[in-house]
Structure formats: C-alpha cells, structure tokens
C-alpha cells in the first residue's frame, strides 16, 4: 500500500503558475505508474497527466498540453505537476493517484480513474480571471 499527500495548490491569477507536489510513503514509489486528476464542481473526475514508473513516458489531456508538465523523482518519492499559463477553467481539486498494474511504458499509461488504486486527499487550485 502507498499513502499519497498533495500540496502546492492555491489561488492564482489567469496566466500564472503553480507547482503541485505529491509525496508518497509506504511501498516503493517506483513500483507505481502515477497520475494527476482533477475534479471541478459539478463535473466528474478527469485525468490531467500520467507518468510511467521510470518517468520516461508521459501523457497529457489535450487541454493542458504545452502548459502542464508532469515529472517524478523516485529518489524523493515525489511526483510533480508544473502548471503554467493557468486558465480559469483549470480551477478544480487536483488529486494524485497510484496505479499498481500500469505505468511500465508508453503503452501502459492508464487514463481512467478506476484503474488507479490509491489516491491522495486533493489540493484546491483556483484560477481567477
């Protein structure tokens, strides 16, 4: 089992930047594919970015491509989401999640939330216009 804790959320103006962190504890972090998801009020949870176990493969939701960057440091048991050029529509609670069965490479990056086994508590990101 792995425990996940997100941090770094907050209030930012449109066009600004935030960096989210997801700290993991428990089983070795490198054994999990990892993902960032977000949930806006009245909407379903949706994937934002996914990264493989080694960090060598990533995949992004179309609306964040070119603006967000996912990375991980397995030595520090931490995943990051650098968010630039933020828009009001990026406002949501952001969650990190761990995938026991995927994340071996580019063809096993899972984007459905039901494919993830462990979740953090979420961190609020609010982008004002």
Foldseek 3Di string as FASTA:
>chain_A
DKAKAKDWADEEAQQAKIKMKIAIDDPQLLQWWKFKWWDDPPGDIWTAKTAASVRPDMDGDVVQPPFWDWGDDSVRRMIMIIGGRDDQVVWTWMKMFTANPARHDHVGTDTDPVRTDYIHPTDTHGYHD
